[in-house]
N, C-alpha and C. Protein backbone atom coordinates (compact mmCIF):
# COMPACT_ATOMS: atom_id res chain seq x y z
N UNK A 1 12.56 11.37 8.47
CA UNK A 1 12.59 9.93 8.30
C UNK A 1 13.82 9.57 7.47
N UNK A 2 14.47 8.49 7.85
CA UNK A 2 15.68 8.07 7.14
C UNK A 2 15.37 7.50 5.76
N UNK A 3 16.39 7.39 4.92
CA UNK A 3 16.23 6.83 3.58
C UNK A 3 15.97 5.33 3.68
N UNK A 4 14.99 4.85 2.92
CA UNK A 4 14.64 3.44 2.92
C UNK A 4 14.86 2.83 1.54
N UNK A 5 15.24 1.55 1.51
CA UNK A 5 15.34 0.83 0.25
C UNK A 5 13.92 0.51 -0.20
N UNK A 6 13.72 0.49 -1.51
CA UNK A 6 12.40 0.19 -2.04
C UNK A 6 12.46 -1.05 -2.92
N UNK A 7 11.86 -2.12 -2.45
CA UNK A 7 11.68 -3.35 -3.22
C UNK A 7 12.90 -3.75 -4.05
N UNK A 8 14.00 -4.00 -3.38
CA UNK A 8 15.20 -4.44 -4.10
C UNK A 8 14.97 -5.83 -4.69
N UNK A 9 15.54 -6.09 -5.85
CA UNK A 9 15.33 -7.37 -6.51
C UNK A 9 13.93 -7.41 -7.09
N UNK A 10 13.40 -8.61 -7.24
CA UNK A 10 12.05 -8.76 -7.78
C UNK A 10 11.23 -9.65 -6.85
N UNK A 11 10.85 -9.10 -5.69
CA UNK A 11 10.06 -9.91 -4.77
C UNK A 11 8.66 -10.14 -5.33
N UNK A 12 8.07 -11.25 -4.96
CA UNK A 12 6.68 -11.47 -5.36
C UNK A 12 5.82 -10.51 -4.56
N UNK A 13 4.74 -10.07 -5.16
CA UNK A 13 3.83 -9.18 -4.45
C UNK A 13 2.63 -9.99 -3.99
N UNK A 14 2.27 -9.84 -2.75
CA UNK A 14 1.09 -10.46 -2.19
C UNK A 14 0.10 -9.36 -1.85
N UNK A 15 -1.18 -9.66 -2.01
CA UNK A 15 -2.16 -8.65 -1.67
C UNK A 15 -3.38 -9.29 -1.02
N UNK A 16 -4.05 -8.48 -0.24
CA UNK A 16 -5.28 -8.90 0.41
C UNK A 16 -6.21 -7.69 0.44
N UNK A 17 -7.47 -7.93 0.12
CA UNK A 17 -8.45 -6.85 0.12
C UNK A 17 -9.48 -7.12 1.20
N UNK A 18 -9.70 -6.15 2.06
CA UNK A 18 -10.73 -6.22 3.10
C UNK A 18 -11.93 -5.45 2.58
N UNK A 19 -12.92 -6.20 2.08
CA UNK A 19 -14.08 -5.56 1.45
C UNK A 19 -14.89 -4.72 2.44
N UNK A 20 -15.06 -5.23 3.65
CA UNK A 20 -15.85 -4.50 4.64
C UNK A 20 -15.24 -3.14 4.98
N UNK A 21 -13.91 -3.10 5.09
CA UNK A 21 -13.22 -1.85 5.43
C UNK A 21 -12.78 -1.07 4.19
N UNK A 22 -12.88 -1.69 3.01
CA UNK A 22 -12.41 -1.10 1.74
C UNK A 22 -10.93 -0.69 1.85
N UNK A 23 -10.10 -1.69 2.22
CA UNK A 23 -8.67 -1.47 2.38
C UNK A 23 -7.91 -2.52 1.59
N UNK A 24 -6.92 -2.08 0.82
CA UNK A 24 -6.05 -2.99 0.07
C UNK A 24 -4.68 -3.01 0.73
N UNK A 25 -4.21 -4.22 1.03
CA UNK A 25 -2.89 -4.42 1.63
C UNK A 25 -2.00 -5.07 0.59
N UNK A 26 -0.87 -4.48 0.29
CA UNK A 26 0.09 -5.04 -0.67
C UNK A 26 1.41 -5.23 0.07
N UNK A 27 1.98 -6.45 -0.06
CA UNK A 27 3.24 -6.75 0.61
C UNK A 27 4.26 -7.25 -0.40
N UNK A 28 5.51 -6.84 -0.22
CA UNK A 28 6.62 -7.37 -1.02
C UNK A 28 7.05 -8.66 -0.33
N UNK A 29 6.81 -9.78 -0.98
CA UNK A 29 7.06 -11.07 -0.34
C UNK A 29 5.95 -11.36 0.65
N UNK A 30 6.20 -12.30 1.54
CA UNK A 30 5.20 -12.63 2.55
C UNK A 30 5.03 -11.46 3.53
N UNK A 31 3.79 -11.18 3.95
CA UNK A 31 3.58 -10.12 4.93
C UNK A 31 4.41 -10.38 6.20
N UNK A 32 4.93 -9.31 6.77
CA UNK A 32 5.73 -9.43 7.98
C UNK A 32 5.51 -8.20 8.85
N UNK A 33 5.88 -8.31 10.13
CA UNK A 33 5.71 -7.16 11.01
C UNK A 33 6.47 -5.94 10.47
N UNK A 34 5.86 -4.79 10.59
CA UNK A 34 6.48 -3.57 10.07
C UNK A 34 5.88 -2.36 10.75
N UNK A 35 6.56 -1.25 10.62
CA UNK A 35 6.04 0.04 11.09
C UNK A 35 5.30 0.69 9.93
N UNK A 36 4.37 1.57 10.23
CA UNK A 36 3.63 2.26 9.19
C UNK A 36 3.86 3.75 9.23
N UNK A 37 3.92 4.37 8.06
CA UNK A 37 4.07 5.82 7.94
C UNK A 37 2.97 6.33 7.02
N UNK A 38 2.05 7.10 7.56
CA UNK A 38 0.96 7.67 6.77
C UNK A 38 1.53 8.78 5.90
N UNK A 39 1.45 8.61 4.58
CA UNK A 39 1.99 9.63 3.68
C UNK A 39 0.88 10.51 3.10
N UNK A 40 -0.33 10.37 3.63
CA UNK A 40 -1.44 11.21 3.21
C UNK A 40 -2.36 10.52 2.23
N UNK A 41 -3.55 11.06 2.08
CA UNK A 41 -4.58 10.56 1.17
C UNK A 41 -4.89 9.08 1.37
N UNK A 42 -4.81 8.60 2.60
CA UNK A 42 -5.16 7.22 2.89
C UNK A 42 -4.15 6.19 2.41
N UNK A 43 -2.91 6.61 2.22
CA UNK A 43 -1.85 5.69 1.80
C UNK A 43 -0.83 5.58 2.93
N UNK A 44 -0.56 4.33 3.32
CA UNK A 44 0.39 4.07 4.40
C UNK A 44 1.51 3.20 3.85
N UNK A 45 2.73 3.65 4.02
CA UNK A 45 3.91 2.88 3.63
C UNK A 45 4.32 2.05 4.84
N UNK A 46 4.49 0.75 4.63
CA UNK A 46 4.93 -0.13 5.71
C UNK A 46 6.41 -0.43 5.50
N UNK A 47 7.20 -0.32 6.58
CA UNK A 47 8.63 -0.52 6.43
C UNK A 47 9.24 -1.27 7.61
N UNK A 48 10.30 -1.99 7.30
CA UNK A 48 11.07 -2.73 8.30
C UNK A 48 12.19 -1.79 8.73
N UNK A 49 12.12 -1.29 9.96
CA UNK A 49 13.11 -0.30 10.41
C UNK A 49 14.50 -0.92 10.58
N UNK A 50 14.59 -2.19 10.92
CA UNK A 50 15.90 -2.83 11.08
C UNK A 50 16.60 -3.01 9.73
N UNK A 51 15.86 -3.46 8.73
CA UNK A 51 16.43 -3.68 7.39
C UNK A 51 16.44 -2.39 6.56
N UNK A 52 15.74 -1.37 7.06
CA UNK A 52 15.62 -0.09 6.35
C UNK A 52 15.07 -0.28 4.93
N UNK A 53 13.95 -1.03 4.84
CA UNK A 53 13.35 -1.24 3.53
C UNK A 53 11.83 -1.22 3.60
N UNK A 54 11.23 -0.77 2.52
CA UNK A 54 9.79 -0.78 2.40
C UNK A 54 9.35 -2.22 2.18
N UNK A 55 8.34 -2.66 2.93
CA UNK A 55 7.86 -4.03 2.79
C UNK A 55 6.41 -4.10 2.35
N UNK A 56 5.75 -2.95 2.26
CA UNK A 56 4.36 -2.98 1.82
C UNK A 56 3.73 -1.61 1.77
N UNK A 57 2.51 -1.62 1.23
CA UNK A 57 1.72 -0.40 1.11
C UNK A 57 0.29 -0.76 1.47
N UNK A 58 -0.37 0.12 2.20
CA UNK A 58 -1.78 -0.04 2.53
C UNK A 58 -2.52 1.14 1.92
N UNK A 59 -3.61 0.83 1.20
CA UNK A 59 -4.41 1.90 0.57
C UNK A 59 -5.83 1.82 1.13
N UNK A 60 -6.23 2.87 1.80
CA UNK A 60 -7.56 2.94 2.41
C UNK A 60 -8.54 3.54 1.41
N UNK A 61 -9.70 2.92 1.26
CA UNK A 61 -10.74 3.44 0.36
C UNK A 61 -10.46 3.16 -1.10
N UNK A 62 -9.84 2.03 -1.41
CA UNK A 62 -9.43 1.75 -2.78
C UNK A 62 -10.61 1.66 -3.76
N UNK A 63 -11.68 0.97 -3.40
CA UNK A 63 -12.81 0.84 -4.32
C UNK A 63 -13.52 2.18 -4.50
N UNK A 64 -13.59 2.96 -3.46
CA UNK A 64 -14.19 4.29 -3.57
C UNK A 64 -13.37 5.15 -4.54
N UNK A 65 -12.05 5.01 -4.50
CA UNK A 65 -11.19 5.77 -5.41
C UNK A 65 -11.40 5.33 -6.86
N UNK A 66 -11.48 4.01 -7.05
CA UNK A 66 -11.69 3.48 -8.40
C UNK A 66 -13.03 3.94 -8.94
N UNK A 67 -14.08 3.85 -8.14
CA UNK A 67 -15.40 4.28 -8.56
C UNK A 67 -15.41 5.76 -8.92
N UNK A 68 -14.76 6.56 -8.11
CA UNK A 68 -14.70 8.01 -8.37
C UNK A 68 -14.00 8.28 -9.70
N UNK A 69 -12.90 7.58 -9.98
CA UNK A 69 -12.19 7.78 -11.24
C UNK A 69 -13.01 7.31 -12.42
N UNK A 70 -13.76 6.22 -12.29
CA UNK A 70 -14.60 5.75 -13.39
C UNK A 70 -15.71 6.76 -13.68
N UNK A 71 -16.32 7.31 -12.66
CA UNK A 71 -17.37 8.31 -12.87
C UNK A 71 -16.78 9.54 -13.53
N UNK A 72 -15.62 9.99 -13.09
CA UNK A 72 -14.97 11.16 -13.67
C UNK A 72 -14.63 10.90 -15.13
N UNK A 73 -14.14 9.69 -15.44
CA UNK A 73 -13.78 9.35 -16.81
C UNK A 73 -14.98 9.40 -17.74
N UNK A 74 -16.13 8.88 -17.26
CA UNK A 74 -17.35 8.84 -18.08
C UNK A 74 -17.85 10.23 -18.39
N UNK A 75 -17.60 11.19 -17.54
CA UNK A 75 -18.10 12.54 -17.73
C UNK A 75 -17.23 13.37 -18.65
N UNK A 76 -16.08 12.84 -19.08
CA UNK A 76 -15.19 13.61 -19.96
C UNK A 76 -15.56 13.44 -21.40
């Protein structure tokens, strides 16, 4: 995969959470069409191939991850 720019400048971050699917969508600026690259562990980087820049991140199972970390923290 080619080198991509990552959030140049200070774009506003927009997010949307799908409770039913337990998926968090984060976009740099307004959401826009993009390609996705699964980087593992339920994390998908969304990028604009024409501009060669990352435009968002999708995290699958976000609440399950948070709950798991809270339980682990309590047991320490």
